[in-house]
């Protein structure tokens, strides 16, 4: 079953530029190196200031797990953590079709 992930991230205002740079690099790595990833995109919320949503779509749960264990995600995660203003809100969804 295909899996979707929505991660909502509140970013410290002074860290926005750094956060976006890290995520652009991470997005390139995910798209280039993860066969089980179908879609990976970060987007800026139009209504909530300094808030970003990461939209992710994977072939299956194993692909989600592989993403979380990948070297590029772990390296970026450590850097992203310093940019956040609070814990991320992560939702896991099962694709209907």
PDB file of N, CA and C in Angstrom:
ATOM      1  N   UNK A   1       0.837  -1.183   0.000  1.00  0.00           N
ATOM      2  CA  UNK A   1       0.000   0.000   0.000  1.00  0.00           C
ATOM      3  C   UNK A   1       0.881   1.245   0.000  1.00  0.00           C
ATOM      4  N   UNK A   2       0.562   2.193  -0.856  1.00  0.00           N
ATOM      5  CA  UNK A   2       1.322   3.438  -0.903  1.00  0.00           C
ATOM      6  C   UNK A   2       1.045   4.270   0.350  1.00  0.00           C
ATOM      7  N   UNK A   3       2.077   4.992   0.791  1.00  0.00           N
ATOM      8  CA  UNK A   3       2.002   5.776   2.020  1.00  0.00           C
ATOM      9  C   UNK A   3       2.319   7.236   1.709  1.00  0.00           C
ATOM     10  N   UNK A   4       1.531   8.129   2.289  1.00  0.00           N
ATOM     11  CA  UNK A   4       1.783   9.564   2.187  1.00  0.00           C
ATOM     12  C   UNK A   4       2.175  10.085   3.562  1.00  0.00           C
ATOM     13  N   UNK A   5       3.051  11.065   3.575  1.00  0.00           N
ATOM     14  CA  UNK A   5       3.476  11.694   4.819  1.00  0.00           C
ATOM     15  C   UNK A   5       3.323  13.202   4.653  1.00  0.00           C
ATOM     16  N   UNK A   6       2.735  13.840   5.664  1.00  0.00           N
ATOM     17  CA  UNK A   6       2.639  15.299   5.714  1.00  0.00           C
ATOM     18  C   UNK A   6       3.334  15.751   6.984  1.00  0.00           C
ATOM     19  N   UNK A   7       4.391  16.509   6.832  1.00  0.00           N
ATOM     20  CA  UNK A   7       5.132  17.013   7.989  1.00  0.00           C
ATOM     21  C   UNK A   7       5.004  18.532   8.014  1.00  0.00           C
ATOM     22  N   UNK A   8       4.479  19.058   9.106  1.00  0.00           N
ATOM     23  CA  UNK A   8       4.328  20.500   9.266  1.00  0.00           C
ATOM     24  C   UNK A   8       5.417  20.997  10.206  1.00  0.00           C
ATOM     25  N   UNK A   9       6.184  21.982   9.736  1.00  0.00           N
ATOM     26  CA  UNK A   9       7.351  22.469  10.463  1.00  0.00           C
ATOM     27  C   UNK A   9       7.260  23.975  10.668  1.00  0.00           C
ATOM     28  N   UNK A  10       7.347  24.399  11.896  1.00  0.00           N
ATOM     29  CA  UNK A  10       7.396  25.835  12.228  1.00  0.00           C
ATOM     30  C   UNK A  10       8.873  26.201  12.350  1.00  0.00           C
ATOM     31  N   UNK A  11       9.308  27.216  11.605  1.00  0.00           N
ATOM     32  CA  UNK A  11      10.720  27.574  11.521  1.00  0.00           C
ATOM     33  C   UNK A  11      10.958  28.923  12.200  1.00  0.00           C
ATOM     34  N   UNK A  12      12.060  29.002  12.942  1.00  0.00           N
ATOM     35  CA  UNK A  12      12.455  30.275  13.557  1.00  0.00           C
ATOM     36  C   UNK A  12      12.704  31.288  12.440  1.00  0.00           C
ATOM     37  N   UNK A  13      12.181  32.493  12.610  1.00  0.00           N
ATOM     38  CA  UNK A  13      12.274  33.504  11.552  1.00  0.00           C
ATOM     39  C   UNK A  13      13.715  33.752  11.104  1.00  0.00           C
ATOM     40  N   UNK A  14      14.635  33.796  12.041  1.00  0.00           N
ATOM     41  CA  UNK A  14      16.034  34.073  11.699  1.00  0.00           C
ATOM     42  C   UNK A  14      16.728  32.890  11.020  1.00  0.00           C
ATOM     43  N   UNK A  15      16.043  31.739  10.940  1.00  0.00           N
ATOM     44  CA  UNK A  15      16.632  30.531  10.353  1.00  0.00           C
ATOM     45  C   UNK A  15      15.981  30.131   9.032  1.00  0.00           C
ATOM     46  N   UNK A  16      15.066  30.951   8.520  1.00  0.00           N
ATOM     47  CA  UNK A  16      14.320  30.575   7.319  1.00  0.00           C
ATOM     48  C   UNK A  16      15.239  30.318   6.126  1.00  0.00           C
ATOM     49  N   UNK A  17      16.163  31.193   5.858  1.00  0.00           N
ATOM     50  CA  UNK A  17      17.066  31.031   4.716  1.00  0.00           C
ATOM     51  C   UNK A  17      17.878  29.745   4.840  1.00  0.00           C
ATOM     52  N   UNK A  18      18.405  29.501   6.019  1.00  0.00           N
ATOM     53  CA  UNK A  18      19.185  28.281   6.268  1.00  0.00           C
ATOM     54  C   UNK A  18      18.310  27.039   6.085  1.00  0.00           C
ATOM     55  N   UNK A  19      17.100  27.071   6.641  1.00  0.00           N
ATOM     56  CA  UNK A  19      16.164  25.952   6.525  1.00  0.00           C
ATOM     57  C   UNK A  19      15.868  25.638   5.059  1.00  0.00           C
ATOM     58  N   UNK A  20      15.549  26.660   4.280  1.00  0.00           N
ATOM     59  CA  UNK A  20      15.219  26.446   2.871  1.00  0.00           C
ATOM     60  C   UNK A  20      16.403  25.862   2.107  1.00  0.00           C
ATOM     61  N   UNK A  21      17.596  26.326   2.389  1.00  0.00           N
ATOM     62  CA  UNK A  21      18.793  25.797   1.726  1.00  0.00           C
ATOM     63  C   UNK A  21      18.976  24.319   2.052  1.00  0.00           C
ATOM     64  N   UNK A  22      18.851  23.963   3.318  1.00  0.00           N
ATOM     65  CA  UNK A  22      18.991  22.563   3.734  1.00  0.00           C
ATOM     66  C   UNK A  22      17.944  21.705   3.030  1.00  0.00           C
ATOM     67  N   UNK A  23      16.703  22.183   2.979  1.00  0.00           N
ATOM     68  CA  UNK A  23      15.630  21.379   2.397  1.00  0.00           C
ATOM     69  C   UNK A  23      15.752  21.247   0.887  1.00  0.00           C
ATOM     70  N   UNK A  24      16.259  22.264   0.215  1.00  0.00           N
ATOM     71  CA  UNK A  24      16.488  22.146  -1.228  1.00  0.00           C
ATOM     72  C   UNK A  24      17.513  21.048  -1.494  1.00  0.00           C
ATOM     73  N   UNK A  25      18.581  21.025  -0.714  1.00  0.00           N
ATOM     74  CA  UNK A  25      19.603  19.982  -0.866  1.00  0.00           C
ATOM     75  C   UNK A  25      19.032  18.608  -0.534  1.00  0.00           C
ATOM     76  N   UNK A  26      18.256  18.518   0.547  1.00  0.00           N
ATOM     77  CA  UNK A  26      17.661  17.236   0.931  1.00  0.00           C
ATOM     78  C   UNK A  26      16.708  16.741  -0.151  1.00  0.00           C
ATOM     79  N   UNK A  27      15.899  17.622  -0.688  1.00  0.00           N
ATOM     80  CA  UNK A  27      14.952  17.235  -1.734  1.00  0.00           C
ATOM     81  C   UNK A  27      15.683  16.644  -2.931  1.00  0.00           C
ATOM     82  N   UNK A  28      16.777  17.260  -3.346  1.00  0.00           N
ATOM     83  CA  UNK A  28      17.575  16.730  -4.458  1.00  0.00           C
ATOM     84  C   UNK A  28      18.104  15.337  -4.135  1.00  0.00           C
ATOM     85  N   UNK A  29      18.575  15.137  -2.902  1.00  0.00           N
ATOM     86  CA  UNK A  29      19.105  13.835  -2.487  1.00  0.00           C
ATOM     87  C   UNK A  29      18.011  12.768  -2.469  1.00  0.00           C
ATOM     88  N   UNK A  30      16.852  13.108  -1.931  1.00  0.00           N
ATOM     89  CA  UNK A  30      15.743  12.148  -1.876  1.00  0.00           C
ATOM     90  C   UNK A  30      15.335  11.746  -3.288  1.00  0.00           C
ATOM     91  N   UNK A  31      15.143  12.715  -4.148  1.00  0.00           N
ATOM     92  CA  UNK A  31      14.695  12.424  -5.511  1.00  0.00           C
ATOM     93  C   UNK A  31      15.723  11.615  -6.296  1.00  0.00           C
ATOM     94  N   UNK A  32      16.998  11.812  -6.013  1.00  0.00           N
ATOM     95  CA  UNK A  32      18.061  11.124  -6.751  1.00  0.00           C
ATOM     96  C   UNK A  32      18.372   9.731  -6.216  1.00  0.00           C
ATOM     97  N   UNK A  33      18.142   9.505  -4.927  1.00  0.00           N
ATOM     98  CA  UNK A  33      18.655   8.289  -4.292  1.00  0.00           C
ATOM     99  C   UNK A  33      17.618   7.333  -3.719  1.00  0.00           C
ATOM    100  N   UNK A  34      16.363   7.721  -3.678  1.00  0.00           N
ATOM    101  CA  UNK A  34      15.361   6.859  -3.051  1.00  0.00           C
ATOM    102  C   UNK A  34      14.370   6.340  -4.093  1.00  0.00           C
ATOM    103  N   UNK A  35      14.571   5.082  -4.494  1.00  0.00           N
ATOM    104  CA  UNK A  35      13.708   4.486  -5.515  1.00  0.00           C
ATOM    105  C   UNK A  35      12.256   4.387  -5.065  1.00  0.00           C
ATOM    106  N   UNK A  36      12.038   4.202  -3.768  1.00  0.00           N
ATOM    107  CA  UNK A  36      10.683   4.038  -3.256  1.00  0.00           C
ATOM    108  C   UNK A  36       9.934   5.340  -3.060  1.00  0.00           C
ATOM    109  N   UNK A  37      10.597   6.456  -3.317  1.00  0.00           N
ATOM    110  CA  UNK A  37       9.943   7.759  -3.173  1.00  0.00           C
ATOM    111  C   UNK A  37       9.294   8.141  -4.494  1.00  0.00           C
ATOM    112  N   UNK A  38       8.024   8.501  -4.435  1.00  0.00           N
ATOM    113  CA  UNK A  38       7.279   8.916  -5.620  1.00  0.00           C
ATOM    114  C   UNK A  38       7.267  10.438  -5.736  1.00  0.00           C
ATOM    115  N   UNK A  39       7.135  11.120  -4.601  1.00  0.00           N
ATOM    116  CA  UNK A  39       7.018  12.578  -4.592  1.00  0.00           C
ATOM    117  C   UNK A  39       7.591  13.109  -3.289  1.00  0.00           C
ATOM    118  N   UNK A  40       8.349  14.198  -3.379  1.00  0.00           N
ATOM    119  CA  UNK A  40       8.933  14.823  -2.191  1.00  0.00           C
ATOM    120  C   UNK A  40       9.059  16.310  -2.465  1.00  0.00           C
ATOM    121  N   UNK A  41       8.342  17.125  -1.693  1.00  0.00           N
ATOM    122  CA  UNK A  41       8.338  18.568  -1.936  1.00  0.00           C
ATOM    123  C   UNK A  41       8.087  19.315  -0.638  1.00  0.00           C
ATOM    124  N   UNK A  42       8.838  20.379  -0.418  1.00  0.00           N
ATOM    125  CA  UNK A  42       8.564  21.270   0.710  1.00  0.00           C
ATOM    126  C   UNK A  42       7.859  22.504   0.157  1.00  0.00           C
ATOM    127  N   UNK A  43       6.858  22.975   0.899  1.00  0.00           N
ATOM    128  CA  UNK A  43       6.084  24.141   0.471  1.00  0.00           C
ATOM    129  C   UNK A  43       5.863  25.063   1.664  1.00  0.00           C
ATOM    130  N   UNK A  44       5.810  26.352   1.374  1.00  0.00           N
ATOM    131  CA  UNK A  44       5.602  27.348   2.424  1.00  0.00           C
ATOM    132  C   UNK A  44       4.106  27.618   2.574  1.00  0.00           C
ATOM    133  N   UNK A  45       3.633  27.561   3.803  1.00  0.00           N
ATOM    134  CA  UNK A  45       2.221  27.804   4.098  1.00  0.00           C
ATOM    135  C   UNK A  45       1.875  29.265   3.802  1.00  0.00           C
ATOM    136  N   UNK A  46       0.803  29.506   3.095  1.00  0.00           N
ATOM    137  CA  UNK A  46       0.385  30.866   2.743  1.00  0.00           C
ATOM    138  C   UNK A  46      -0.271  31.599   3.907  1.00  0.00           C
ATOM    139  N   UNK A  47      -0.811  30.851   4.859  1.00  0.00           N
ATOM    140  CA  UNK A  47      -1.581  31.469   5.936  1.00  0.00           C
ATOM    141  C   UNK A  47      -0.843  31.535   7.266  1.00  0.00           C
ATOM    142  N   UNK A  48      -0.018  30.543   7.552  1.00  0.00           N
ATOM    143  CA  UNK A  48       0.692  30.498   8.830  1.00  0.00           C
ATOM    144  C   UNK A  48       2.143  30.921   8.623  1.00  0.00           C
ATOM    145  N   UNK A  49       2.503  32.008   9.240  1.00  0.00           N
ATOM    146  CA  UNK A  49       3.834  32.581   9.093  1.00  0.00           C
ATOM    147  C   UNK A  49       4.919  31.598   9.538  1.00  0.00           C
ATOM    148  N   UNK A  50       6.009  31.556   8.774  1.00  0.00           N
ATOM    149  CA  UNK A  50       7.187  30.738   9.089  1.00  0.00           C
ATOM    150  C   UNK A  50       6.865  29.252   9.202  1.00  0.00           C
ATOM    151  N   UNK A  51       5.828  28.806   8.506  1.00  0.00           N
ATOM    152  CA  UNK A  51       5.408  27.412   8.566  1.00  0.00           C
ATOM    153  C   UNK A  51       5.568  26.772   7.193  1.00  0.00           C
ATOM    154  N   UNK A  52       6.123  25.566   7.201  1.00  0.00           N
ATOM    155  CA  UNK A  52       6.360  24.802   5.978  1.00  0.00           C
ATOM    156  C   UNK A  52       5.699  23.439   6.111  1.00  0.00           C
ATOM    157  N   UNK A  53       5.297  22.886   4.965  1.00  0.00           N
ATOM    158  CA  UNK A  53       4.732  21.546   4.935  1.00  0.00           C
ATOM    159  C   UNK A  53       5.553  20.726   3.948  1.00  0.00           C
ATOM    160  N   UNK A  54       5.960  19.546   4.389  1.00  0.00           N
ATOM    161  CA  UNK A  54       6.668  18.622   3.516  1.00  0.00           C
ATOM    162  C   UNK A  54       5.656  17.575   3.069  1.00  0.00           C
ATOM    163  N   UNK A  55       5.500  17.454   1.746  1.00  0.00           N
ATOM    164  CA  UNK A  55       4.573  16.487   1.169  1.00  0.00           C
ATOM    165  C   UNK A  55       5.405  15.335   0.620  1.00  0.00           C
ATOM    166  N   UNK A  56       5.112  14.132   1.094  1.00  0.00           N
ATOM    167  CA  UNK A  56       5.899  12.961   0.712  1.00  0.00           C
ATOM    168  C   UNK A  56       4.964  11.834   0.287  1.00  0.00           C
ATOM    169  N   UNK A  57       5.378  11.078  -0.731  1.00  0.00           N
ATOM    170  CA  UNK A  57       4.587   9.943  -1.208  1.00  0.00           C
ATOM    171  C   UNK A  57       5.563   8.809  -1.511  1.00  0.00           C
ATOM    172  N   UNK A  58       5.288   7.639  -0.943  1.00  0.00           N
ATOM    173  CA  UNK A  58       6.185   6.491  -1.065  1.00  0.00           C
ATOM    174  C   UNK A  58       5.430   5.268  -1.572  1.00  0.00           C
ATOM    175  N   UNK A  59       6.174   4.340  -2.174  1.00  0.00           N
ATOM    176  CA  UNK A  59       5.578   3.100  -2.671  1.00  0.00           C
ATOM    177  C   UNK A  59       4.978   2.254  -1.558  1.00  0.00           C
ATOM    178  N   UNK A  60       5.622   2.257  -0.378  1.00  0.00           N
ATOM    179  CA  UNK A  60       5.176   1.404   0.721  1.00  0.00           C
ATOM    180  C   UNK A  60       5.852   1.839   2.019  1.00  0.00           C
ATOM    181  N   UNK A  61       5.487   1.188   3.119  1.00  0.00           N
ATOM    182  CA  UNK A  61       6.049   1.545   4.419  1.00  0.00           C
ATOM    183  C   UNK A  61       7.550   1.287   4.472  1.00  0.00           C
ATOM    184  N   UNK A  62       8.021   0.247   3.799  1.00  0.00           N
ATOM    185  CA  UNK A  62       9.465  -0.021   3.775  1.00  0.00           C
ATOM    186  C   UNK A  62      10.230   1.158   3.181  1.00  0.00           C
ATOM    187  N   UNK A  63       9.656   1.806   2.182  1.00  0.00           N
ATOM    188  CA  UNK A  63      10.298   2.975   1.568  1.00  0.00           C
ATOM    189  C   UNK A  63      10.314   4.163   2.519  1.00  0.00           C
ATOM    190  N   UNK A  64       9.252   4.323   3.316  1.00  0.00           N
ATOM    191  CA  UNK A  64       9.221   5.376   4.338  1.00  0.00           C
ATOM    192  C   UNK A  64      10.322   5.119   5.359  1.00  0.00           C
ATOM    193  N   UNK A  65      10.423   3.854   5.799  1.00  0.00           N
ATOM    194  CA  UNK A  65      11.442   3.487   6.785  1.00  0.00           C
ATOM    195  C   UNK A  65      12.851   3.713   6.236  1.00  0.00           C
ATOM    196  N   UNK A  66      13.068   3.356   4.969  1.00  0.00           N
ATOM    197  CA  UNK A  66      14.380   3.545   4.347  1.00  0.00           C
ATOM    198  C   UNK A  66      14.728   5.030   4.268  1.00  0.00           C
ATOM    199  N   UNK A  67      13.750   5.860   3.990  1.00  0.00           N
ATOM    200  CA  UNK A  67      13.972   7.310   3.950  1.00  0.00           C
ATOM    201  C   UNK A  67      14.476   7.802   5.304  1.00  0.00           C
ATOM    202  N   UNK A  68      13.811   7.383   6.369  1.00  0.00           N
ATOM    203  CA  UNK A  68      14.191   7.818   7.713  1.00  0.00           C
ATOM    204  C   UNK A  68      15.565   7.346   8.146  1.00  0.00           C
ATOM    205  N   UNK A  69      16.027   6.243   7.561  1.00  0.00           N
ATOM    206  CA  UNK A  69      17.336   5.681   7.920  1.00  0.00           C
ATOM    207  C   UNK A  69      18.453   6.127   6.978  1.00  0.00           C
ATOM    208  N   UNK A  70      18.103   6.840   5.912  1.00  0.00           N
ATOM    209  CA  UNK A  70      19.112   7.219   4.917  1.00  0.00           C
ATOM    210  C   UNK A  70      20.117   8.214   5.498  1.00  0.00           C
ATOM    211  N   UNK A  71      21.338   8.125   5.007  1.00  0.00           N
ATOM    212  CA  UNK A  71      22.397   9.033   5.477  1.00  0.00           C
ATOM    213  C   UNK A  71      22.046  10.491   5.198  1.00  0.00           C
ATOM    214  N   UNK A  72      21.502  10.761   4.008  1.00  0.00           N
ATOM    215  CA  UNK A  72      21.193  12.154   3.661  1.00  0.00           C
ATOM    216  C   UNK A  72      20.079  12.713   4.538  1.00  0.00           C
ATOM    217  N   UNK A  73      19.089  11.893   4.897  1.00  0.00           N
ATOM    218  CA  UNK A  73      18.022  12.387   5.770  1.00  0.00           C
ATOM    219  C   UNK A  73      18.540  12.620   7.183  1.00  0.00           C
ATOM    220  N   UNK A  74      19.341  11.702   7.682  1.00  0.00           N
ATOM    221  CA  UNK A  74      19.879  11.861   9.044  1.00  0.00           C
ATOM    222  C   UNK A  74      20.776  13.092   9.148  1.00  0.00           C
ATOM    223  N   UNK A  75      21.610  13.313   8.147  1.00  0.00           N
ATOM    224  CA  UNK A  75      22.500  14.481   8.164  1.00  0.00           C
ATOM    225  C   UNK A  75      21.686  15.772   8.109  1.00  0.00           C
ATOM    226  N   UNK A  76      20.688  15.809   7.232  1.00  0.00           N
ATOM    227  CA  UNK A  76      19.852  17.008   7.121  1.00  0.00           C
ATOM    228  C   UNK A  76      19.010  17.201   8.377  1.00  0.00           C
ATOM    229  N   UNK A  77      18.526  16.108   8.946  1.00  0.00           N
ATOM    230  CA  UNK A  77      17.681  16.190  10.134  1.00  0.00           C
ATOM    231  C   UNK A  77      18.355  16.888  11.297  1.00  0.00           C
ATOM    232  N   UNK A  78      19.631  16.614  11.477  1.00  0.00           N
ATOM    233  CA  UNK A  78      20.375  17.259  12.562  1.00  0.00           C
ATOM    234  C   UNK A  78      20.444  18.770  12.348  1.00  0.00           C
ATOM    235  N   UNK A  79      20.629  19.185  11.104  1.00  0.00           N
ATOM    236  CA  UNK A  79      20.698  20.617  10.785  1.00  0.00           C
ATOM    237  C   UNK A  79      19.323  21.272  10.865  1.00  0.00           C
ATOM    238  N   UNK A  80      18.312  20.570  10.377  1.00  0.00           N
ATOM    239  CA  UNK A  80      16.950  21.108  10.379  1.00  0.00           C
ATOM    240  C   UNK A  80      16.474  21.351  11.804  1.00  0.00           C
ATOM    241  N   UNK A  81      16.830  20.454  12.704  1.00  0.00           N
ATOM    242  CA  UNK A  81      16.399  20.573  14.096  1.00  0.00           C
ATOM    243  C   UNK A  81      16.762  21.903  14.726  1.00  0.00           C
ATOM    244  N   UNK A  82      17.899  22.460  14.350  1.00  0.00           N
ATOM    245  CA  UNK A  82      18.327  23.746  14.921  1.00  0.00           C
ATOM    246  C   UNK A  82      17.516  24.919  14.368  1.00  0.00           C
ATOM    247  N   UNK A  83      16.795  24.687  13.284  1.00  0.00           N
ATOM    248  CA  UNK A  83      16.001  25.745  12.646  1.00  0.00           C
ATOM    249  C   UNK A  83      14.556  25.784  13.139  1.00  0.00           C
ATOM    250  N   UNK A  84      14.117  24.729  13.797  1.00  0.00           N
ATOM    251  CA  UNK A  84      12.703  24.610  14.142  1.00  0.00           C
ATOM    252  C   UNK A  84      12.329  25.359  15.407  1.00  0.00           C
ATOM    253  N   UNK A  85      11.105  25.850  15.390  1.00  0.00           N
ATOM    254  CA  UNK A  85      10.511  26.532  16.534  1.00  0.00           C
ATOM    255  C   UNK A  85       9.414  25.615  17.090  1.00  0.00           C
ATOM    256  N   UNK A  86       9.841  24.518  17.705  1.00  0.00           N
ATOM    257  CA  UNK A  86       8.904  23.523  18.220  1.00  0.00           C
ATOM    258  C   UNK A  86       9.016  22.211  17.465  1.00  0.00           C
ATOM    259  N   UNK A  87       8.332  21.223  17.986  1.00  0.00           N
ATOM    260  CA  UNK A  87       8.366  19.883  17.387  1.00  0.00           C
ATOM    261  C   UNK A  87       7.548  19.849  16.097  1.00  0.00           C
ATOM    262  N   UNK A  88       8.011  19.084  15.107  1.00  0.00           N
ATOM    263  CA  UNK A  88       7.231  18.946  13.881  1.00  0.00           C
ATOM    264  C   UNK A  88       5.947  18.152  14.150  1.00  0.00           C
ATOM    265  N   UNK A  89       4.946  18.399  13.344  1.00  0.00           N
ATOM    266  CA  UNK A  89       3.708  17.617  13.391  1.00  0.00           C
ATOM    267  C   UNK A  89       3.725  16.733  12.154  1.00  0.00           C
ATOM    268  N   UNK A  90       3.748  15.418  12.366  1.00  0.00           N
ATOM    269  CA  UNK A  90       3.880  14.484  11.253  1.00  0.00           C
ATOM    270  C   UNK A  90       2.648  13.589  11.194  1.00  0.00           C
ATOM    271  N   UNK A  91       2.041  13.515  10.007  1.00  0.00           N
ATOM    272  CA  UNK A  91       0.884  12.646   9.785  1.00  0.00           C
ATOM    273  C   UNK A  91       1.253  11.610   8.736  1.00  0.00           C
ATOM    274  N   UNK A  92       0.904  10.361   9.019  1.00  0.00           N
ATOM    275  CA  UNK A  92       1.098   9.265   8.078  1.00  0.00           C
ATOM    276  C   UNK A  92      -0.274   8.865   7.545  1.00  0.00           C
ATOM    277  N   UNK A  93      -0.375   8.767   6.225  1.00  0.00           N
ATOM    278  CA  UNK A  93      -1.660   8.466   5.596  1.00  0.00           C
ATOM    279  C   UNK A  93      -1.499   7.311   4.619  1.00  0.00           C
ATOM    280  N   UNK A  94      -2.508   6.470   4.526  1.00  0.00           N
ATOM    281  CA  UNK A  94      -2.515   5.393   3.545  1.00  0.00           C
ATOM    282  C   UNK A  94      -3.229   5.876   2.294  1.00  0.00           C
ATOM    283  N   UNK A  95      -2.592   5.678   1.160  1.00  0.00           N
ATOM    284  CA  UNK A  95      -3.176   6.086  -0.108  1.00  0.00           C
ATOM    285  C   UNK A  95      -4.410   5.230  -0.391  1.00  0.00           C
ATOM    286  N   UNK A  96      -5.476   5.842  -0.869  1.00  0.00           N
ATOM    287  CA  UNK A  96      -6.713   5.115  -1.144  1.00  0.00           C
ATOM    288  C   UNK A  96      -6.548   4.210  -2.353  1.00  0.00           C
ATOM    289  N   UNK A  97      -5.794   4.650  -3.324  1.00  0.00           N
ATOM    290  CA  UNK A  97      -5.578   3.815  -4.506  1.00  0.00           C
ATOM    291  C   UNK A  97      -4.129   3.797  -4.860  1.00  0.00           C
TER     292      UNK A  97
END
